[in-house]
Amino acid sequence: MTIRDILQQKREEILNLAAQHGASNIRIFGSVARDEEREDRVCNCWLKSEIIS
C-alpha cells in the first residue's frame, strides 16, 4: 500500500482531525504529489491553521 493509498483511505479521518484542531486547506506536495514516492521519503503536507489565543 502506498502513501497515496493510505491518504485516500483515511481522507475523511484526516480532514476531521485537522478541523478539530483548527486546520484547513490541507495540501500534499513533493514526491507523493508527483507520484514519485519512495519508502525513504516523507509525505509533505501544507495546511492553513487558525490559532486563536
N, C-alpha and C. Protein backbone atom coordinates (compact mmCIF):
# COMPACT_ATOMS: atom_id res chain seq x y z
N MET A 1 0.85 -1.18 0.00
CA MET A 1 0.00 0.00 0.00
C MET A 1 0.90 1.25 0.00
N THR A 2 0.62 2.17 -0.88
CA THR A 2 1.42 3.38 -0.99
C THR A 2 0.91 4.46 -0.03
N ILE A 3 1.72 5.49 0.14
CA ILE A 3 1.30 6.63 0.97
C ILE A 3 0.04 7.25 0.37
N ARG A 4 0.01 7.38 -0.93
CA ARG A 4 -1.16 7.94 -1.61
C ARG A 4 -2.41 7.11 -1.30
N ASP A 5 -2.29 5.78 -1.33
CA ASP A 5 -3.41 4.90 -0.99
C ASP A 5 -3.89 5.14 0.43
N ILE A 6 -2.95 5.25 1.36
CA ILE A 6 -3.30 5.47 2.76
C ILE A 6 -3.99 6.81 2.94
N LEU A 7 -3.47 7.85 2.28
CA LEU A 7 -4.10 9.17 2.37
C LEU A 7 -5.52 9.15 1.82
N GLN A 8 -5.73 8.47 0.72
CA GLN A 8 -7.07 8.38 0.15
C GLN A 8 -8.01 7.60 1.06
N GLN A 9 -7.50 6.52 1.63
CA GLN A 9 -8.32 5.69 2.52
C GLN A 9 -8.70 6.44 3.79
N LYS A 10 -7.80 7.26 4.31
CA LYS A 10 -8.03 7.95 5.58
C LYS A 10 -8.38 9.43 5.41
N ARG A 11 -8.76 9.82 4.20
CA ARG A 11 -9.01 11.23 3.88
C ARG A 11 -9.98 11.89 4.86
N GLU A 12 -11.16 11.31 5.05
CA GLU A 12 -12.16 11.92 5.94
C GLU A 12 -11.66 12.00 7.37
N GLU A 13 -10.97 10.98 7.83
CA GLU A 13 -10.42 10.98 9.18
C GLU A 13 -9.38 12.11 9.35
N ILE A 14 -8.54 12.28 8.34
CA ILE A 14 -7.52 13.33 8.38
C ILE A 14 -8.18 14.70 8.39
N LEU A 15 -9.17 14.91 7.51
CA LEU A 15 -9.86 16.20 7.45
C LEU A 15 -10.59 16.51 8.75
N ASN A 16 -11.25 15.52 9.33
CA ASN A 16 -11.95 15.72 10.60
C ASN A 16 -10.99 16.06 11.72
N LEU A 17 -9.89 15.35 11.80
CA LEU A 17 -8.89 15.60 12.84
C LEU A 17 -8.29 17.00 12.68
N ALA A 18 -7.99 17.38 11.46
CA ALA A 18 -7.44 18.71 11.20
C ALA A 18 -8.44 19.78 11.62
N ALA A 19 -9.70 19.61 11.27
CA ALA A 19 -10.73 20.59 11.61
C ALA A 19 -10.87 20.72 13.13
N GLN A 20 -10.76 19.63 13.85
CA GLN A 20 -10.85 19.67 15.32
C GLN A 20 -9.74 20.53 15.92
N HIS A 21 -8.65 20.66 15.19
CA HIS A 21 -7.50 21.43 15.69
C HIS A 21 -7.33 22.77 14.95
N GLY A 22 -8.37 23.20 14.25
CA GLY A 22 -8.35 24.50 13.60
C GLY A 22 -7.57 24.57 12.30
N ALA A 23 -7.32 23.44 11.69
CA ALA A 23 -6.56 23.41 10.43
C ALA A 23 -7.51 23.16 9.26
N SER A 24 -7.18 23.72 8.11
CA SER A 24 -7.99 23.52 6.91
C SER A 24 -7.09 23.65 5.68
N ASN A 25 -7.70 23.49 4.53
CA ASN A 25 -6.99 23.65 3.25
C ASN A 25 -5.71 22.82 3.20
N ILE A 26 -5.83 21.55 3.52
CA ILE A 26 -4.69 20.65 3.58
C ILE A 26 -4.27 20.26 2.16
N ARG A 27 -2.99 20.36 1.90
CA ARG A 27 -2.44 20.04 0.59
C ARG A 27 -1.22 19.14 0.73
N ILE A 28 -1.05 18.24 -0.22
CA ILE A 28 0.10 17.35 -0.29
C ILE A 28 1.00 17.86 -1.42
N PHE A 29 2.30 17.92 -1.17
CA PHE A 29 3.22 18.34 -2.22
C PHE A 29 4.47 17.48 -2.17
N GLY A 30 5.35 17.67 -3.09
CA GLY A 30 6.59 16.89 -3.13
C GLY A 30 6.41 15.59 -3.88
N SER A 31 7.21 14.59 -3.48
CA SER A 31 7.26 13.33 -4.24
C SER A 31 5.92 12.60 -4.28
N VAL A 32 5.14 12.66 -3.21
CA VAL A 32 3.84 11.97 -3.21
C VAL A 32 2.91 12.63 -4.23
N ALA A 33 2.87 13.96 -4.26
CA ALA A 33 2.02 14.67 -5.21
C ALA A 33 2.44 14.43 -6.66
N ARG A 34 3.72 14.21 -6.87
CA ARG A 34 4.25 13.97 -8.23
C ARG A 34 4.22 12.49 -8.62
N ASP A 35 3.65 11.64 -7.76
CA ASP A 35 3.64 10.19 -7.97
C ASP A 35 5.05 9.62 -8.08
N GLU A 36 5.97 10.18 -7.27
CA GLU A 36 7.35 9.71 -7.24
C GLU A 36 7.74 9.23 -5.85
N GLU A 37 6.75 8.85 -5.06
CA GLU A 37 7.03 8.48 -3.67
C GLU A 37 7.90 7.24 -3.58
N ARG A 38 8.70 7.21 -2.54
CA ARG A 38 9.55 6.06 -2.22
C ARG A 38 9.49 5.87 -0.71
N GLU A 39 9.86 4.69 -0.26
CA GLU A 39 9.81 4.39 1.17
C GLU A 39 10.75 5.26 1.99
N ASP A 40 11.82 5.75 1.38
CA ASP A 40 12.80 6.53 2.14
C ASP A 40 12.51 8.03 2.10
N ARG A 41 11.33 8.43 1.63
CA ARG A 41 10.95 9.84 1.58
C ARG A 41 9.77 10.09 2.50
N VAL A 42 9.57 11.36 2.81
CA VAL A 42 8.46 11.75 3.69
C VAL A 42 7.28 12.24 2.85
N CYS A 43 6.14 12.38 3.50
CA CYS A 43 4.96 12.95 2.87
C CYS A 43 4.88 14.41 3.32
N ASN A 44 5.02 15.34 2.39
CA ASN A 44 4.99 16.77 2.70
C ASN A 44 3.56 17.27 2.66
N CYS A 45 3.16 17.95 3.73
CA CYS A 45 1.81 18.49 3.83
C CYS A 45 1.87 19.97 4.13
N TRP A 46 0.92 20.70 3.58
CA TRP A 46 0.76 22.12 3.85
C TRP A 46 -0.66 22.30 4.33
N LEU A 47 -0.87 23.17 5.32
CA LEU A 47 -2.22 23.42 5.79
C LEU A 47 -2.35 24.84 6.31
N LYS A 48 -3.58 25.30 6.36
CA LYS A 48 -3.87 26.61 6.93
C LYS A 48 -4.34 26.38 8.35
N SER A 49 -3.81 27.16 9.28
CA SER A 49 -4.15 26.99 10.69
C SER A 49 -4.68 28.30 11.26
N GLU A 50 -5.79 28.20 11.95
CA GLU A 50 -6.38 29.34 12.64
C GLU A 50 -6.07 29.18 14.12
N ILE A 51 -5.11 29.94 14.59
CA ILE A 51 -4.74 29.86 16.01
C ILE A 51 -5.39 31.03 16.74
N ILE A 52 -6.21 30.69 17.70
CA ILE A 52 -6.90 31.70 18.48
C ILE A 52 -6.40 31.62 19.92
N SER A 53 -5.90 32.73 20.43
CA SER A 53 -5.38 32.70 21.80
C SER A 53 -6.15 33.62 22.70
